[in-house]
Protein backbone atom coordinates (compact mmCIF):
# COMPACT_ATOMS: atom_id res chain seq x y z
CA MET A 1 0.04 -0.29 0.01
CA ILE A 2 1.19 3.67 -0.71
CA LEU A 3 0.05 5.63 2.15
CA ALA A 4 0.22 9.60 3.07
CA ASP A 5 0.69 11.60 5.87
CA ALA A 6 -1.59 14.81 4.93
CA HIS A 7 -1.01 16.45 8.19
CA CYS A 8 1.99 16.42 10.84
CA HIS A 9 4.21 18.35 12.81
CA LEU A 10 7.62 16.96 12.38
CA ASN A 11 9.51 20.08 14.15
CA HIS A 12 7.89 19.34 17.55
CA GLU A 13 10.70 19.03 20.36
CA LEU A 14 9.59 14.81 21.05
CA TYR A 15 10.95 13.76 17.47
CA LYS A 16 14.34 16.10 17.88
CA ASN A 17 16.32 13.04 18.85
CA GLU A 18 14.65 10.20 16.59
CA LEU A 19 13.54 11.50 13.64
CA ASP A 20 15.44 9.87 11.14
CA ALA A 21 14.29 6.67 12.49
CA LEU A 22 10.44 7.84 12.61
CA LEU A 23 10.91 8.66 9.13
CA GLU A 24 12.51 5.33 8.61
CA ARG A 25 9.63 3.47 10.39
CA SER A 26 7.29 5.39 8.04
CA LYS A 27 9.02 4.37 4.85
CA GLU A 28 8.38 0.69 6.00
CA ALA A 29 5.00 1.03 6.71
CA GLY A 30 4.69 2.32 3.04
CA VAL A 31 4.27 6.19 3.36
CA LYS A 32 5.82 7.95 0.50
CA ALA A 33 4.48 11.39 1.49
CA ILE A 34 4.32 13.51 4.46
CA ILE A 35 2.87 17.20 4.82
CA CYS A 36 4.71 18.60 7.26
CA SER A 37 2.84 21.53 8.93
CA GLY A 38 4.08 25.26 10.19
CA VAL A 39 1.93 27.65 12.78
CA ASN A 40 3.83 30.60 13.19
CA VAL A 41 7.18 32.57 11.60
CA PRO A 42 9.44 29.58 13.43
CA THR A 43 7.97 26.69 12.54
CA ASN A 44 7.29 27.90 8.88
CA ARG A 45 11.05 28.33 8.16
CA GLU A 46 11.53 24.66 10.06
CA ALA A 47 9.22 23.21 8.41
CA LEU A 48 10.58 24.74 4.98
CA ALA A 49 13.64 23.46 6.38
CA LEU A 50 12.58 19.99 6.76
CA ALA A 51 11.26 19.39 3.29
CA ARG A 52 14.42 20.52 1.76
CA LYS A 53 16.74 18.05 3.66
CA TYR A 54 14.19 15.22 3.30
CA ALA A 55 12.55 15.59 -0.16
CA PRO A 56 10.53 13.87 -1.55
CA LEU A 57 9.31 12.33 1.57
CA VAL A 58 8.45 15.33 2.97
CA ARG A 59 6.81 18.37 2.04
CA CYS A 60 5.55 21.50 3.62
CA SER A 61 2.40 23.29 3.98
CA LEU A 62 3.13 27.08 5.63
CA GLY A 63 0.84 28.27 8.26
CA ILE A 64 -0.46 30.77 10.88
CA TYR A 65 -2.41 29.28 13.39
CA PRO A 66 -5.32 31.71 14.98
CA VAL A 67 -3.81 31.48 18.13
CA ASP A 68 -0.48 32.42 17.44
CA ALA A 69 -1.52 35.25 15.08
CA LEU A 70 -2.80 37.00 17.69
CA GLY A 71 0.72 36.63 20.05
CA LEU A 72 -1.30 34.62 23.21
CA PRO A 73 -0.02 31.81 25.21
CA ALA A 74 0.07 28.54 23.83
CA ASP A 75 -2.49 25.93 24.04
CA GLU A 76 0.36 23.24 23.32
CA THR A 77 3.73 22.98 24.13
CA GLY A 78 6.63 21.61 22.05
CA LEU A 79 6.70 23.49 18.81
CA ALA A 80 8.80 26.53 18.68
CA ARG A 81 6.90 29.85 19.61
CA GLN A 82 6.19 33.41 18.39
CA VAL A 83 6.08 35.02 21.80
CA HIS A 84 4.60 38.39 19.62
CA PRO A 85 1.84 39.19 18.00
CA ILE A 86 2.49 37.78 14.05
CA ASP A 87 3.14 40.53 11.52
CA MET A 88 0.58 39.21 9.21
CA ASP A 89 1.40 41.14 6.14
CA ALA A 90 5.50 39.85 6.47
CA GLU A 91 4.70 36.64 7.06
CA LEU A 92 2.07 36.27 4.08
CA GLU A 93 4.37 38.01 2.01
CA PHE A 94 7.00 35.22 2.72
CA ILE A 95 4.65 32.48 2.06
CA LYS A 96 4.02 34.01 -0.98
CA GLN A 97 7.24 34.30 -1.55
CA ASN A 98 7.96 30.51 -1.19
CA LYS A 99 5.30 29.39 -3.28
CA GLU A 100 6.83 27.00 -5.08
CA ASN A 101 8.69 25.65 -2.28
CA ILE A 102 5.49 24.79 -0.20
CA ALA A 103 2.67 21.58 -0.87
CA GLY A 104 -0.47 24.16 0.41
CA ILE A 105 -1.19 27.30 2.64
CA GLY A 106 -1.84 26.31 6.92
CA GLU A 107 -2.44 25.51 9.15
CA ALA A 108 -4.43 28.30 9.23
CA GLY A 109 -8.12 28.77 10.62
CA LEU A 110 -10.58 30.08 13.38
CA ASP A 111 -9.58 28.87 17.02
CA PHE A 112 -12.89 30.02 19.75
CA HIS A 113 -12.25 27.33 22.24
CA TRP A 114 -8.97 29.12 23.21
CA VAL A 115 -10.46 32.83 22.33
CA LYS A 116 -13.41 33.59 23.90
CA ASP A 117 -12.93 37.45 24.00
CA LYS A 118 -15.70 38.98 20.73
CA GLN A 119 -13.15 41.29 19.71
CA LEU A 120 -10.35 39.12 19.34
CA ARG A 121 -12.71 36.52 17.34
CA GLU A 122 -13.49 39.66 15.37
CA LYS A 123 -9.74 39.86 14.90
CA GLU A 124 -8.94 36.10 14.17
CA LYS A 125 -11.64 36.41 11.02
CA GLU A 126 -9.90 39.19 9.67
CA ASN A 127 -6.71 37.40 10.05
CA PHE A 128 -8.62 34.00 8.54
CA ALA A 129 -10.26 36.44 5.55
CA LYS A 130 -6.21 37.50 5.10
CA ILE A 131 -4.90 33.93 4.45
CA ILE A 132 -7.72 33.24 2.53
CA LYS A 133 -7.04 35.72 0.02
CA LEU A 134 -3.61 34.52 -0.18
CA ALA A 135 -4.57 31.09 -1.19
CA GLU A 136 -6.93 32.84 -3.50
CA ASP A 137 -4.24 34.62 -4.94
CA ILE A 138 -1.40 31.82 -5.71
CA LYS A 139 -3.69 29.23 -6.08
CA LYS A 140 -2.58 26.78 -3.37
CA PRO A 141 -4.42 24.03 -1.12
CA LEU A 142 -5.58 25.54 2.09
CA ILE A 143 -5.61 23.31 5.11
CA VAL A 144 -7.99 24.48 8.07
CA HIS A 145 -7.73 24.22 11.43
CA THR A 146 -11.23 25.25 13.11
CA ARG A 147 -12.24 24.40 16.99
CA ASP A 148 -15.48 25.97 18.10
CA ALA A 149 -16.02 28.00 15.19
CA GLU A 150 -16.97 25.60 12.56
CA THR A 151 -20.16 27.20 11.21
CA GLU A 152 -17.99 30.64 11.10
CA CYS A 153 -15.02 28.74 9.16
CA VAL A 154 -17.11 27.55 6.73
CA GLU A 155 -19.12 30.32 6.27
CA MET A 156 -16.35 32.26 5.25
CA LEU A 157 -14.71 29.43 2.89
CA GLU A 158 -18.54 29.19 1.16
CA SER A 159 -18.07 33.20 0.31
CA SER A 160 -14.46 32.51 -1.22
CA SER A 161 -12.79 31.62 -4.26
CA VAL A 162 -10.30 28.74 -2.58
CA LYS A 163 -10.20 25.89 -4.86
CA THR A 164 -8.88 23.36 -2.67
CA VAL A 165 -9.67 23.16 1.06
CA ILE A 166 -8.84 20.73 3.25
CA LEU A 167 -10.57 20.56 6.87
CA HIS A 168 -8.09 18.89 9.12
CA CYS A 169 -9.31 17.03 12.07
CA PHE A 170 -12.79 18.14 11.50
CA THR A 171 -15.21 17.99 14.55
CA GLY A 172 -18.05 20.06 13.55
CA ARG A 173 -21.59 19.18 13.61
CA LYS A 174 -23.82 17.17 10.51
CA HIS A 175 -25.50 19.62 8.96
CA ILE A 176 -21.68 21.29 8.89
CA ILE A 177 -20.09 18.58 7.39
CA LYS A 178 -23.18 18.11 4.90
CA LYS A 179 -22.38 21.83 3.77
CA ALA A 180 -18.58 20.82 3.45
CA ILE A 181 -19.48 18.10 1.67
CA ASP A 182 -21.79 19.79 -0.88
CA LYS A 183 -18.83 22.12 -1.41
CA GLY A 184 -16.08 19.66 -2.48
CA TYR A 185 -14.00 20.19 0.40
CA PHE A 186 -11.75 17.41 1.20
CA PHE A 187 -12.01 15.69 5.14
CA SER A 188 -7.75 14.99 6.34
CA ILE A 189 -8.99 12.06 8.85
CA PRO A 190 -6.53 11.32 11.56
CA ALA A 191 -5.57 8.39 13.19
CA ILE A 192 -6.97 8.58 16.34
CA ILE A 193 -10.33 7.76 14.09
CA GLN A 194 -9.57 4.05 15.50
CA LYS A 195 -10.75 5.60 19.30
CA LEU A 196 -13.56 8.48 17.88
CA GLN A 197 -16.80 7.69 16.63
CA HIS A 198 -16.95 10.90 15.40
CA PHE A 199 -14.44 10.95 12.78
CA LYS A 200 -15.98 7.38 11.98
CA MET A 201 -18.74 9.43 10.75
CA VAL A 202 -17.34 12.15 8.96
CA ALA A 203 -15.30 8.75 7.02
CA GLU A 204 -19.01 7.00 6.14
CA MET A 205 -20.42 10.68 5.39
CA ALA A 206 -17.93 11.66 2.79
CA SER A 207 -17.31 10.31 -0.20
CA ILE A 208 -14.00 8.68 -0.05
CA ASN A 209 -12.73 10.69 -3.27
CA GLN A 210 -12.91 13.31 -0.60
CA LEU A 211 -10.81 11.77 2.09
CA LEU A 212 -7.17 11.91 3.12
CA SER A 213 -5.20 10.51 6.13
CA GLU A 214 -3.41 12.09 8.59
CA THR A 215 -1.45 11.94 12.08
CA ASP A 216 -1.66 15.09 13.44
CA GLY A 217 1.61 13.60 14.88
CA PRO A 218 2.80 14.00 17.72
CA TRP A 219 -0.41 14.37 19.34
CA LEU A 220 -4.05 12.15 18.60
CA SER A 221 -2.04 9.15 19.20
CA PRO A 222 -4.15 5.90 18.36
CA ILE A 223 -1.30 4.08 20.85
CA PRO A 224 -1.67 5.21 24.19
CA GLY A 225 1.42 6.81 25.70
CA LYS A 226 3.28 6.85 22.70
CA PRO A 227 3.31 10.05 20.48
CA ASN A 228 2.00 9.81 17.28
CA GLU A 229 3.89 9.41 14.01
CA PRO A 230 3.19 9.14 10.16
CA ALA A 231 3.35 5.61 10.07
CA ASN A 232 0.14 5.90 11.96
CA VAL A 233 -1.84 6.46 9.20
CA LEU A 234 -2.10 2.81 8.83
CA TYR A 235 -5.20 3.08 11.16
CA VAL A 236 -6.62 5.65 9.01
CA ILE A 237 -7.03 3.35 6.27
CA ARG A 238 -7.92 0.39 8.15
CA ASN A 239 -10.68 2.46 10.19
CA ILE A 240 -11.87 4.13 6.48
CA ALA A 241 -12.07 0.53 5.28
CA GLN A 242 -14.54 -0.77 8.07
CA VAL A 243 -16.58 2.01 8.19
CA LYS A 244 -17.26 1.85 3.90
CA ASN A 245 -16.71 -1.94 3.55
CA PHE A 246 -13.76 -1.77 1.28
CA THR A 247 -10.92 -3.83 1.04
CA GLU A 248 -7.85 -1.79 2.70
CA GLU A 249 -5.89 -1.39 -0.32
CA GLU A 250 -9.04 -0.08 -2.19
CA VAL A 251 -8.82 2.63 0.37
CA ALA A 252 -4.94 3.10 0.29
CA ASN A 253 -5.20 3.86 -3.22
CA ASN A 254 -8.31 6.23 -3.49
CA LEU A 255 -6.61 8.61 -0.66
CA TRP A 256 -3.47 8.00 -2.65
CA LEU A 257 -4.88 9.52 -5.55
CA ASN A 258 -6.24 12.01 -3.59
CA PHE A 259 -3.32 13.28 -2.44
CA GLN A 260 -1.86 13.47 -5.30
CA ARG A 261 -4.54 15.42 -6.51
CA VAL A 262 -4.66 17.84 -3.66
CA PHE A 263 -1.26 18.83 -3.76
CA GLY A 264 0.56 17.16 -7.07
């Protein structure tokens, strides 16, 4: 089987001393492509460097995580942090200048779980609108993070002309999932589908032609007590096969074709 991890964070400190071994395990599992996603100024540069070092296995997407964009304290640790609010225009220009070196833009989106203040939420929307505009301009896939803001996020995407949207670890309600399906968006299903019924529901609702596999490593591990890693996309294949009554080979082949359609 040929596999792909459409979203992970290889620059996390948990991988620092074993990245080569992790990538070797990935290849042994059949993984042929990994997208390392940036979330702020330092991690965007780290993701670019990893893509250069480990090409063609590793590619990158450059993004501005909604919480980082506001300069707020981290909701997770282990990635290089943005200690001041990001200069959005400068970082978007940096992404634009590197458009030939990246597979997509993201992760980016809206996060109302960690951001409760109404003014800051409006600022998030302003920032996301700028990122959507960049995706429109340079015609790159947009990898979207949304938490407790799924309705608002999909509404903003609907009113845009972005051609390719990947909803990463999407936890929206059924009617929002249906709306995203109807728009032709892709759903990047994480390895923790092994444990969470919600992602099985997403995989069941969406066409096989709209699904991708991801880990979000090192987070969302399907194996208790162990950091997640790209080899674990096997869990995605296995569970989608069960949900859709396909063979694992059929699922892997379809998701690999989807990955090629999305990222080239």
